[in-house]
Amino acid sequence: MAGKTNALQKPVQLSGELEAVIGKGPMTRAQVTSKIWEYIKGNSLQDSKDKRQINPDGKLSAVIGKDQISMFKMTAAVSKHLT
Protein backbone atom coordinates (compact mmCIF):
# COMPACT_ATOMS: atom_id res chain seq x y z
CA MET A 1 0.00 0.00 0.00
CA ALA A 2 2.91 2.37 0.55
CA GLY A 3 3.05 5.11 -2.04
CA LYS A 4 -0.61 4.77 -3.03
CA THR A 5 -2.96 7.62 -2.32
CA ASN A 6 -6.70 7.44 -2.39
CA ALA A 7 -8.92 10.18 -3.84
CA LEU A 8 -9.30 11.90 -0.46
CA GLN A 9 -5.53 12.22 -0.02
CA LYS A 10 -4.70 13.43 -3.53
CA PRO A 11 -4.19 17.21 -3.71
CA VAL A 12 -6.68 18.97 -6.00
CA GLN A 13 -6.83 22.47 -7.46
CA LEU A 14 -9.55 24.76 -6.15
CA SER A 15 -11.66 27.26 -8.09
CA GLY A 16 -11.27 30.94 -7.26
CA GLU A 17 -14.70 30.95 -5.61
CA LEU A 18 -13.75 28.06 -3.35
CA GLU A 19 -10.39 29.61 -2.50
CA ALA A 20 -12.22 32.76 -1.40
CA VAL A 21 -14.01 30.64 1.20
CA ILE A 22 -11.35 28.22 2.46
CA GLY A 23 -7.98 29.58 1.34
CA LYS A 24 -5.42 28.78 -1.34
CA GLY A 25 -5.08 25.30 -2.79
CA PRO A 26 -3.99 22.81 -3.72
CA MET A 27 -5.31 20.72 -0.84
CA THR A 28 -6.74 17.25 -0.42
CA ARG A 29 -10.48 16.58 -0.64
CA ALA A 30 -10.41 15.72 3.07
CA GLN A 31 -8.86 19.14 3.84
CA VAL A 32 -11.43 20.86 1.62
CA THR A 33 -14.30 19.18 3.48
CA SER A 34 -12.78 20.03 6.83
CA LYS A 35 -12.22 23.69 5.89
CA ILE A 36 -15.74 24.03 4.47
CA TRP A 37 -17.13 22.80 7.80
CA GLU A 38 -14.85 25.18 9.73
CA TYR A 39 -16.25 28.01 7.62
CA ILE A 40 -19.87 26.89 8.06
CA LYS A 41 -19.54 26.53 11.83
CA GLY A 42 -17.44 29.69 12.21
CA ASN A 43 -20.11 31.71 10.41
CA SER A 44 -23.12 29.94 11.98
CA LEU A 45 -24.48 28.82 8.59
CA GLN A 46 -26.21 25.65 9.80
CA ASP A 47 -29.97 25.98 10.06
CA SER A 48 -30.96 26.40 13.70
CA LYS A 49 -33.87 23.93 13.42
CA ASP A 50 -32.21 21.34 11.16
CA LYS A 51 -28.42 21.19 11.45
CA ARG A 52 -28.23 19.11 8.28
CA GLN A 53 -29.30 22.16 6.27
CA ILE A 54 -26.75 24.82 5.32
CA ASN A 55 -27.77 28.45 4.73
CA PRO A 56 -25.01 29.85 2.51
CA ASP A 57 -23.74 33.40 3.00
CA GLY A 58 -22.47 35.56 0.13
CA LYS A 59 -19.07 33.86 -0.17
CA LEU A 60 -20.33 30.30 0.18
CA SER A 61 -23.24 30.86 -2.22
CA ALA A 62 -20.69 31.38 -5.02
CA VAL A 63 -19.68 27.75 -4.44
CA ILE A 64 -22.89 25.91 -3.51
CA GLY A 65 -25.65 28.20 -4.78
CA LYS A 66 -27.84 30.73 -3.02
CA ASP A 67 -30.53 28.34 -1.75
CA GLN A 68 -30.43 26.33 1.44
CA ILE A 69 -28.72 23.00 0.72
CA SER A 70 -28.48 19.74 2.66
CA MET A 71 -25.02 18.81 3.85
CA PHE A 72 -25.27 15.65 1.74
CA LYS A 73 -25.77 17.60 -1.50
CA MET A 74 -23.15 20.18 -0.52
CA THR A 75 -20.29 17.74 -1.17
CA ALA A 76 -21.38 17.29 -4.79
CA ALA A 77 -21.72 21.06 -5.23
CA VAL A 78 -18.23 21.66 -3.81
CA SER A 79 -16.68 18.93 -5.97
CA LYS A 80 -17.56 20.95 -9.08
CA HIS A 81 -14.97 23.48 -7.85
CA LEU A 82 -12.15 20.92 -7.68
CA THR A 83 -9.86 19.83 -10.51
PDB file of N, CA and C in Angstrom:
ATOM      1  N   MET A   1       0.816  -1.209   0.000  1.00  0.00           N
ATOM      2  CA  MET A   1       0.000   0.000   0.000  1.00  0.00           C
ATOM      3  C   MET A   1       0.852   1.264   0.000  1.00  0.00           C
ATOM      4  N   ALA A   2       2.082   1.169   0.449  1.00  0.00           N
ATOM      5  CA  ALA A   2       2.909   2.369   0.550  1.00  0.00           C
ATOM      6  C   ALA A   2       3.025   3.057  -0.811  1.00  0.00           C
ATOM      7  N   GLY A   3       2.926   4.362  -0.799  1.00  0.00           N
ATOM      8  CA  GLY A   3       3.045   5.113  -2.036  1.00  0.00           C
ATOM      9  C   GLY A   3       1.726   5.328  -2.755  1.00  0.00           C
ATOM     10  N   LYS A   4       0.702   4.579  -2.391  1.00  0.00           N
ATOM     11  CA  LYS A   4      -0.611   4.768  -3.029  1.00  0.00           C
ATOM     12  C   LYS A   4      -1.417   5.791  -2.256  1.00  0.00           C
ATOM     13  N   THR A   5      -2.087   6.661  -2.988  1.00  0.00           N
ATOM     14  CA  THR A   5      -2.962   7.622  -2.315  1.00  0.00           C
ATOM     15  C   THR A   5      -4.370   7.425  -2.829  1.00  0.00           C
ATOM     16  N   ASN A   6      -5.326   7.537  -1.930  1.00  0.00           N
ATOM     17  CA  ASN A   6      -6.705   7.442  -2.389  1.00  0.00           C
ATOM     18  C   ASN A   6      -7.188   8.825  -2.799  1.00  0.00           C
ATOM     19  N   ALA A   7      -8.399   8.909  -3.306  1.00  0.00           N
ATOM     20  CA  ALA A   7      -8.918  10.176  -3.836  1.00  0.00           C
ATOM     21  C   ALA A   7      -8.970  11.265  -2.768  1.00  0.00           C
ATOM     22  N   LEU A   8      -9.220  10.888  -1.522  1.00  0.00           N
ATOM     23  CA  LEU A   8      -9.305  11.895  -0.461  1.00  0.00           C
ATOM     24  C   LEU A   8      -7.949  12.494  -0.119  1.00  0.00           C
ATOM     25  N   GLN A   9      -6.872  11.751  -0.391  1.00  0.00           N
ATOM     26  CA  GLN A   9      -5.534  12.217  -0.024  1.00  0.00           C
ATOM     27  C   GLN A   9      -4.813  12.913  -1.170  1.00  0.00           C
ATOM     28  N   LYS A  10      -5.354  12.842  -2.367  1.00  0.00           N
ATOM     29  CA  LYS A  10      -4.697  13.429  -3.531  1.00  0.00           C
ATOM     30  C   LYS A  10      -4.976  14.930  -3.584  1.00  0.00           C
ATOM     31  N   PRO A  11      -3.943  15.763  -3.643  1.00  0.00           N
ATOM     32  CA  PRO A  11      -4.194  17.213  -3.712  1.00  0.00           C
ATOM     33  C   PRO A  11      -4.948  17.588  -4.990  1.00  0.00           C
ATOM     34  N   VAL A  12      -5.892  18.496  -4.855  1.00  0.00           N
ATOM     35  CA  VAL A  12      -6.679  18.970  -5.995  1.00  0.00           C
ATOM     36  C   VAL A  12      -6.575  20.489  -6.070  1.00  0.00           C
ATOM     37  N   GLN A  13      -6.812  21.018  -7.260  1.00  0.00           N
ATOM     38  CA  GLN A  13      -6.834  22.469  -7.459  1.00  0.00           C
ATOM     39  C   GLN A  13      -8.220  22.984  -7.111  1.00  0.00           C
ATOM     40  N   LEU A  14      -8.279  24.177  -6.545  1.00  0.00           N
ATOM     41  CA  LEU A  14      -9.555  24.764  -6.146  1.00  0.00           C
ATOM     42  C   LEU A  14      -9.917  25.912  -7.088  1.00  0.00           C
ATOM     43  N   SER A  15     -11.212  26.109  -7.298  1.00  0.00           N
ATOM     44  CA  SER A  15     -11.657  27.260  -8.093  1.00  0.00           C
ATOM     45  C   SER A  15     -11.423  28.531  -7.280  1.00  0.00           C
ATOM     46  N   GLY A  16     -11.428  29.667  -7.946  1.00  0.00           N
ATOM     47  CA  GLY A  16     -11.270  30.944  -7.264  1.00  0.00           C
ATOM     48  C   GLY A  16     -12.349  31.175  -6.226  1.00  0.00           C
ATOM     49  N   GLU A  17     -13.585  30.771  -6.547  1.00  0.00           N
ATOM     50  CA  GLU A  17     -14.702  30.946  -5.607  1.00  0.00           C
ATOM     51  C   GLU A  17     -14.476  30.133  -4.331  1.00  0.00           C
ATOM     52  N   LEU A  18     -13.994  28.915  -4.511  1.00  0.00           N
ATOM     53  CA  LEU A  18     -13.755  28.059  -3.351  1.00  0.00           C
ATOM     54  C   LEU A  18     -12.578  28.585  -2.532  1.00  0.00           C
ATOM     55  N   GLU A  19     -11.538  29.049  -3.216  1.00  0.00           N
ATOM     56  CA  GLU A  19     -10.385  29.614  -2.501  1.00  0.00           C
ATOM     57  C   GLU A  19     -10.789  30.837  -1.673  1.00  0.00           C
ATOM     58  N   ALA A  20     -11.757  31.595  -2.148  1.00  0.00           N
ATOM     59  CA  ALA A  20     -12.225  32.763  -1.400  1.00  0.00           C
ATOM     60  C   ALA A  20     -12.852  32.354  -0.071  1.00  0.00           C
ATOM     61  N   VAL A  21     -13.372  31.125  -0.016  1.00  0.00           N
ATOM     62  CA  VAL A  21     -14.013  30.641   1.202  1.00  0.00           C
ATOM     63  C   VAL A  21     -13.011  29.952   2.135  1.00  0.00           C
ATOM     64  N   ILE A  22     -12.168  29.077   1.583  1.00  0.00           N
ATOM     65  CA  ILE A  22     -11.348  28.221   2.461  1.00  0.00           C
ATOM     66  C   ILE A  22      -9.843  28.448   2.335  1.00  0.00           C
ATOM     67  N   GLY A  23      -9.405  29.337   1.472  1.00  0.00           N
ATOM     68  CA  GLY A  23      -7.975  29.584   1.338  1.00  0.00           C
ATOM     69  C   GLY A  23      -7.388  28.935   0.099  1.00  0.00           C
ATOM     70  N   LYS A  24      -6.114  29.217  -0.129  1.00  0.00           N
ATOM     71  CA  LYS A  24      -5.422  28.778  -1.337  1.00  0.00           C
ATOM     72  C   LYS A  24      -5.195  27.277  -1.386  1.00  0.00           C
ATOM     73  N   GLY A  25      -5.395  26.708  -2.565  1.00  0.00           N
ATOM     74  CA  GLY A  25      -5.082  25.304  -2.790  1.00  0.00           C
ATOM     75  C   GLY A  25      -3.661  25.202  -3.299  1.00  0.00           C
ATOM     76  N   PRO A  26      -3.225  24.050  -3.754  1.00  0.00           N
ATOM     77  CA  PRO A  26      -3.995  22.812  -3.725  1.00  0.00           C
ATOM     78  C   PRO A  26      -4.100  22.237  -2.309  1.00  0.00           C
ATOM     79  N   MET A  27      -5.158  21.470  -2.090  1.00  0.00           N
ATOM     80  CA  MET A  27      -5.313  20.721  -0.841  1.00  0.00           C
ATOM     81  C   MET A  27      -6.081  19.441  -1.143  1.00  0.00           C
ATOM     82  N   THR A  28      -6.052  18.520  -0.209  1.00  0.00           N
ATOM     83  CA  THR A  28      -6.744  17.251  -0.423  1.00  0.00           C
ATOM     84  C   THR A  28      -8.249  17.454  -0.262  1.00  0.00           C
ATOM     85  N   ARG A  29      -9.024  16.513  -0.797  1.00  0.00           N
ATOM     86  CA  ARG A  29     -10.484  16.584  -0.636  1.00  0.00           C
ATOM     87  C   ARG A  29     -10.870  16.562   0.842  1.00  0.00           C
ATOM     88  N   ALA A  30     -10.130  15.783   1.627  1.00  0.00           N
ATOM     89  CA  ALA A  30     -10.412  15.724   3.066  1.00  0.00           C
ATOM     90  C   ALA A  30     -10.194  17.100   3.707  1.00  0.00           C
ATOM     91  N   GLN A  31      -9.119  17.797   3.317  1.00  0.00           N
ATOM     92  CA  GLN A  31      -8.859  19.137   3.841  1.00  0.00           C
ATOM     93  C   GLN A  31      -9.948  20.111   3.391  1.00  0.00           C
ATOM     94  N   VAL A  32     -10.372  19.991   2.133  1.00  0.00           N
ATOM     95  CA  VAL A  32     -11.429  20.864   1.616  1.00  0.00           C
ATOM     96  C   VAL A  32     -12.693  20.699   2.460  1.00  0.00           C
ATOM     97  N   THR A  33     -13.101  19.455   2.684  1.00  0.00           N
ATOM     98  CA  THR A  33     -14.301  19.179   3.478  1.00  0.00           C
ATOM     99  C   THR A  33     -14.165  19.758   4.882  1.00  0.00           C
ATOM    100  N   SER A  34     -13.019  19.533   5.483  1.00  0.00           N
ATOM    101  CA  SER A  34     -12.780  20.025   6.833  1.00  0.00           C
ATOM    102  C   SER A  34     -12.857  21.559   6.889  1.00  0.00           C
ATOM    103  N   LYS A  35     -12.230  22.226   5.914  1.00  0.00           N
ATOM    104  CA  LYS A  35     -12.216  23.694   5.892  1.00  0.00           C
ATOM    105  C   LYS A  35     -13.610  24.264   5.611  1.00  0.00           C
ATOM    106  N   ILE A  36     -14.369  23.593   4.742  1.00  0.00           N
ATOM    107  CA  ILE A  36     -15.742  24.033   4.471  1.00  0.00           C
ATOM    108  C   ILE A  36     -16.539  24.005   5.771  1.00  0.00           C
ATOM    109  N   TRP A  37     -16.392  22.912   6.540  1.00  0.00           N
ATOM    110  CA  TRP A  37     -17.131  22.801   7.804  1.00  0.00           C
ATOM    111  C   TRP A  37     -16.662  23.834   8.819  1.00  0.00           C
ATOM    112  N   GLU A  38     -15.357  24.114   8.848  1.00  0.00           N
ATOM    113  CA  GLU A  38     -14.853  25.176   9.734  1.00  0.00           C
ATOM    114  C   GLU A  38     -15.541  26.495   9.384  1.00  0.00           C
ATOM    115  N   TYR A  39     -15.634  26.764   8.086  1.00  0.00           N
ATOM    116  CA  TYR A  39     -16.253  28.010   7.617  1.00  0.00           C
ATOM    117  C   TYR A  39     -17.733  28.053   7.995  1.00  0.00           C
ATOM    118  N   ILE A  40     -18.437  26.953   7.757  1.00  0.00           N
ATOM    119  CA  ILE A  40     -19.875  26.886   8.057  1.00  0.00           C
ATOM    120  C   ILE A  40     -20.119  27.104   9.552  1.00  0.00           C
ATOM    121  N   LYS A  41     -19.348  26.407  10.377  1.00  0.00           N
ATOM    122  CA  LYS A  41     -19.537  26.529  11.827  1.00  0.00           C
ATOM    123  C   LYS A  41     -19.082  27.890  12.329  1.00  0.00           C
ATOM    124  N   GLY A  42     -17.971  28.388  11.789  1.00  0.00           N
ATOM    125  CA  GLY A  42     -17.442  29.685  12.213  1.00  0.00           C
ATOM    126  C   GLY A  42     -18.365  30.845  11.872  1.00  0.00           C
ATOM    127  N   ASN A  43     -19.189  30.656  10.845  1.00  0.00           N
ATOM    128  CA  ASN A  43     -20.108  31.712  10.413  1.00  0.00           C
ATOM    129  C   ASN A  43     -21.570  31.378  10.724  1.00  0.00           C
ATOM    130  N   SER A  44     -21.777  30.350  11.552  1.00  0.00           N
ATOM    131  CA  SER A  44     -23.123  29.936  11.981  1.00  0.00           C
ATOM    132  C   SER A  44     -24.086  29.777  10.798  1.00  0.00           C
ATOM    133  N   LEU A  45     -23.672  28.987   9.807  1.00  0.00           N
ATOM    134  CA  LEU A  45     -24.481  28.820   8.592  1.00  0.00           C
ATOM    135  C   LEU A  45     -25.373  27.582   8.622  1.00  0.00           C
ATOM    136  N   GLN A  46     -25.290  26.785   9.695  1.00  0.00           N
ATOM    137  CA  GLN A  46     -26.210  25.646   9.805  1.00  0.00           C
ATOM    138  C   GLN A  46     -27.571  26.155  10.251  1.00  0.00           C
ATOM    139  N   ASP A  47     -28.614  25.588   9.683  1.00  0.00           N
ATOM    140  CA  ASP A  47     -29.969  25.977  10.056  1.00  0.00           C
ATOM    141  C   ASP A  47     -30.195  25.665  11.535  1.00  0.00           C
ATOM    142  N   SER A  48     -30.795  26.590  12.253  1.00  0.00           N
ATOM    143  CA  SER A  48     -30.963  26.399  13.698  1.00  0.00           C
ATOM    144  C   SER A  48     -31.921  25.253  14.027  1.00  0.00           C
ATOM    145  N   LYS A  49     -32.902  24.999  13.166  1.00  0.00           N
ATOM    146  CA  LYS A  49     -33.869  23.934  13.424  1.00  0.00           C
ATOM    147  C   LYS A  49     -33.403  22.581  12.891  1.00  0.00           C
ATOM    148  N   ASP A  50     -32.679  22.584  11.780  1.00  0.00           N
ATOM    149  CA  ASP A  50     -32.211  21.344  11.157  1.00  0.00           C
ATOM    150  C   ASP A  50     -30.743  21.515  10.786  1.00  0.00           C
ATOM    151  N   LYS A  51     -29.871  20.999  11.630  1.00  0.00           N
ATOM    152  CA  LYS A  51     -28.422  21.190  11.454  1.00  0.00           C
ATOM    153  C   LYS A  51     -27.885  20.570  10.168  1.00  0.00           C
ATOM    154  N   ARG A  52     -28.691  19.708   9.538  1.00  0.00           N
ATOM    155  CA  ARG A  52     -28.228  19.108   8.275  1.00  0.00           C
ATOM    156  C   ARG A  52     -28.368  20.082   7.112  1.00  0.00           C
ATOM    157  N   GLN A  53     -29.092  21.160   7.318  1.00  0.00           N
ATOM    158  CA  GLN A  53     -29.298  22.158   6.267  1.00  0.00           C
ATOM    159  C   GLN A  53     -28.295  23.308   6.433  1.00  0.00           C
ATOM    160  N   ILE A  54     -27.724  23.741   5.317  1.00  0.00           N
ATOM    161  CA  ILE A  54     -26.746  24.824   5.318  1.00  0.00           C
ATOM    162  C   ILE A  54     -27.389  26.037   4.648  1.00  0.00           C
ATOM    163  N   ASN A  55     -27.279  27.185   5.292  1.00  0.00           N
ATOM    164  CA  ASN A  55     -27.772  28.447   4.733  1.00  0.00           C
ATOM    165  C   ASN A  55     -26.563  29.256   4.275  1.00  0.00           C
ATOM    166  N   PRO A  56     -26.244  29.214   2.975  1.00  0.00           N
ATOM    167  CA  PRO A  56     -25.010  29.851   2.511  1.00  0.00           C
ATOM    168  C   PRO A  56     -25.047  31.375   2.659  1.00  0.00           C
ATOM    169  N   ASP A  57     -23.888  31.948   3.006  1.00  0.00           N
ATOM    170  CA  ASP A  57     -23.745  33.403   2.997  1.00  0.00           C
ATOM    171  C   ASP A  57     -23.235  33.810   1.610  1.00  0.00           C
ATOM    172  N   GLY A  58     -22.901  35.058   1.435  1.00  0.00           N
ATOM    173  CA  GLY A  58     -22.472  35.558   0.126  1.00  0.00           C
ATOM    174  C   GLY A  58     -21.304  34.791  -0.472  1.00  0.00           C
ATOM    175  N   LYS A  59     -20.265  34.565   0.327  1.00  0.00           N
ATOM    176  CA  LYS A  59     -19.074  33.863  -0.174  1.00  0.00           C
ATOM    177  C   LYS A  59     -19.389  32.412  -0.525  1.00  0.00           C
ATOM    178  N   LEU A  60     -20.062  31.727   0.386  1.00  0.00           N
ATOM    179  CA  LEU A  60     -20.326  30.304   0.177  1.00  0.00           C
ATOM    180  C   LEU A  60     -21.334  30.082  -0.949  1.00  0.00           C
ATOM    181  N   SER A  61     -22.238  31.033  -1.158  1.00  0.00           N
ATOM    182  CA  SER A  61     -23.237  30.859  -2.225  1.00  0.00           C
ATOM    183  C   SER A  61     -22.592  30.839  -3.608  1.00  0.00           C
ATOM    184  N   ALA A  62     -21.406  31.441  -3.737  1.00  0.00           N
ATOM    185  CA  ALA A  62     -20.686  31.378  -5.020  1.00  0.00           C
ATOM    186  C   ALA A  62     -20.231  29.952  -5.320  1.00  0.00           C
ATOM    187  N   VAL A  63     -20.135  29.134  -4.282  1.00  0.00           N
ATOM    188  CA  VAL A  63     -19.681  27.750  -4.445  1.00  0.00           C
ATOM    189  C   VAL A  63     -20.857  26.778  -4.505  1.00  0.00           C
ATOM    190  N   ILE A  64     -21.828  26.921  -3.605  1.00  0.00           N
ATOM    191  CA  ILE A  64     -22.889  25.908  -3.505  1.00  0.00           C
ATOM    192  C   ILE A  64     -24.265  26.409  -3.928  1.00  0.00           C
ATOM    193  N   GLY A  65     -24.360  27.648  -4.374  1.00  0.00           N
ATOM    194  CA  GLY A  65     -25.651  28.198  -4.778  1.00  0.00           C
ATOM    195  C   GLY A  65     -26.269  29.015  -3.651  1.00  0.00           C
ATOM    196  N   LYS A  66     -27.258  29.804  -3.987  1.00  0.00           N
ATOM    197  CA  LYS A  66     -27.845  30.733  -3.024  1.00  0.00           C
ATOM    198  C   LYS A  66     -28.894  30.094  -2.109  1.00  0.00           C
ATOM    199  N   ASP A  67     -29.455  28.967  -2.530  1.00  0.00           N
ATOM    200  CA  ASP A  67     -30.526  28.340  -1.748  1.00  0.00           C
ATOM    201  C   ASP A  67     -29.966  27.469  -0.636  1.00  0.00           C
ATOM    202  N   GLN A  68     -30.788  27.257   0.378  1.00  0.00           N
ATOM    203  CA  GLN A  68     -30.426  26.327   1.439  1.00  0.00           C
ATOM    204  C   GLN A  68     -30.137  24.972   0.802  1.00  0.00           C
ATOM    205  N   ILE A  69     -29.127  24.279   1.310  1.00  0.00           N
ATOM    206  CA  ILE A  69     -28.718  23.002   0.724  1.00  0.00           C
ATOM    207  C   ILE A  69     -28.466  22.012   1.857  1.00  0.00           C
ATOM    208  N   SER A  70     -28.771  20.737   1.615  1.00  0.00           N
ATOM    209  CA  SER A  70     -28.482  19.744   2.658  1.00  0.00           C
ATOM    210  C   SER A  70     -26.982  19.448   2.627  1.00  0.00           C
ATOM    211  N   MET A  71     -26.457  19.073   3.785  1.00  0.00           N
ATOM    212  CA  MET A  71     -25.015  18.813   3.851  1.00  0.00           C
ATOM    213  C   MET A  71     -24.622  17.651   2.945  1.00  0.00           C
ATOM    214  N   PHE A  72     -25.579  16.783   2.611  1.00  0.00           N
ATOM    215  CA  PHE A  72     -25.272  15.649   1.735  1.00  0.00           C
ATOM    216  C   PHE A  72     -25.107  16.095   0.281  1.00  0.00           C
ATOM    217  N   LYS A  73     -25.889  17.082  -0.134  1.00  0.00           N
ATOM    218  CA  LYS A  73     -25.774  17.602  -1.502  1.00  0.00           C
ATOM    219  C   LYS A  73     -24.621  18.592  -1.628  1.00  0.00           C
ATOM    220  N   MET A  74     -24.217  19.173  -0.503  1.00  0.00           N
ATOM    221  CA  MET A  74     -23.150  20.177  -0.524  1.00  0.00           C
ATOM    222  C   MET A  74     -21.843  19.595  -1.069  1.00  0.00           C
ATOM    223  N   THR A  75     -21.532  18.355  -0.709  1.00  0.00           N
ATOM    224  CA  THR A  75     -20.288  17.737  -1.167  1.00  0.00           C
ATOM    225  C   THR A  75     -20.230  17.688  -2.690  1.00  0.00           C
ATOM    226  N   ALA A  76     -21.334  17.334  -3.324  1.00  0.00           N
ATOM    227  CA  ALA A  76     -21.376  17.286  -4.789  1.00  0.00           C
ATOM    228  C   ALA A  76     -21.213  18.682  -5.377  1.00  0.00           C
ATOM    229  N   ALA A  77     -21.835  19.687  -4.743  1.00  0.00           N
ATOM    230  CA  ALA A  77     -21.719  21.063  -5.232  1.00  0.00           C
ATOM    231  C   ALA A  77     -20.274  21.551  -5.122  1.00  0.00           C
ATOM    232  N   VAL A  78     -19.626  21.236  -4.018  1.00  0.00           N
ATOM    233  CA  VAL A  78     -18.235  21.657  -3.806  1.00  0.00           C
ATOM    234  C   VAL A  78     -17.312  20.946  -4.800  1.00  0.00           C
ATOM    235  N   SER A  79     -17.585  19.682  -5.089  1.00  0.00           N
ATOM    236  CA  SER A  79     -16.681  18.928  -5.971  1.00  0.00           C
ATOM    237  C   SER A  79     -16.604  19.517  -7.375  1.00  0.00           C
ATOM    238  N   LYS A  80     -17.619  20.283  -7.772  1.00  0.00           N
ATOM    239  CA  LYS A  80     -17.560  20.951  -9.082  1.00  0.00           C
ATOM    240  C   LYS A  80     -16.489  22.043  -9.112  1.00  0.00           C
ATOM    241  N   HIS A  81     -16.000  22.434  -7.937  1.00  0.00           N
ATOM    242  CA  HIS A  81     -14.972  23.476  -7.850  1.00  0.00           C
ATOM    243  C   HIS A  81     -13.584  22.904  -7.649  1.00  0.00           C
ATOM    244  N   LEU A  82     -13.443  21.589  -7.841  1.00  0.00           N
ATOM    245  CA  LEU A  82     -12.146  20.924  -7.684  1.00  0.00           C
ATOM    246  C   LEU A  82     -11.711  20.345  -9.018  1.00  0.00           C
ATOM    247  N   THR A  83     -10.403  20.451  -9.287  1.00  0.00           N
ATOM    248  CA  THR A  83      -9.859  19.828 -10.513  1.00  0.00           C
ATOM    249  C   THR A  83      -8.592  19.073 -10.186  1.00  0.00           C
TER     250      THR A  83
END
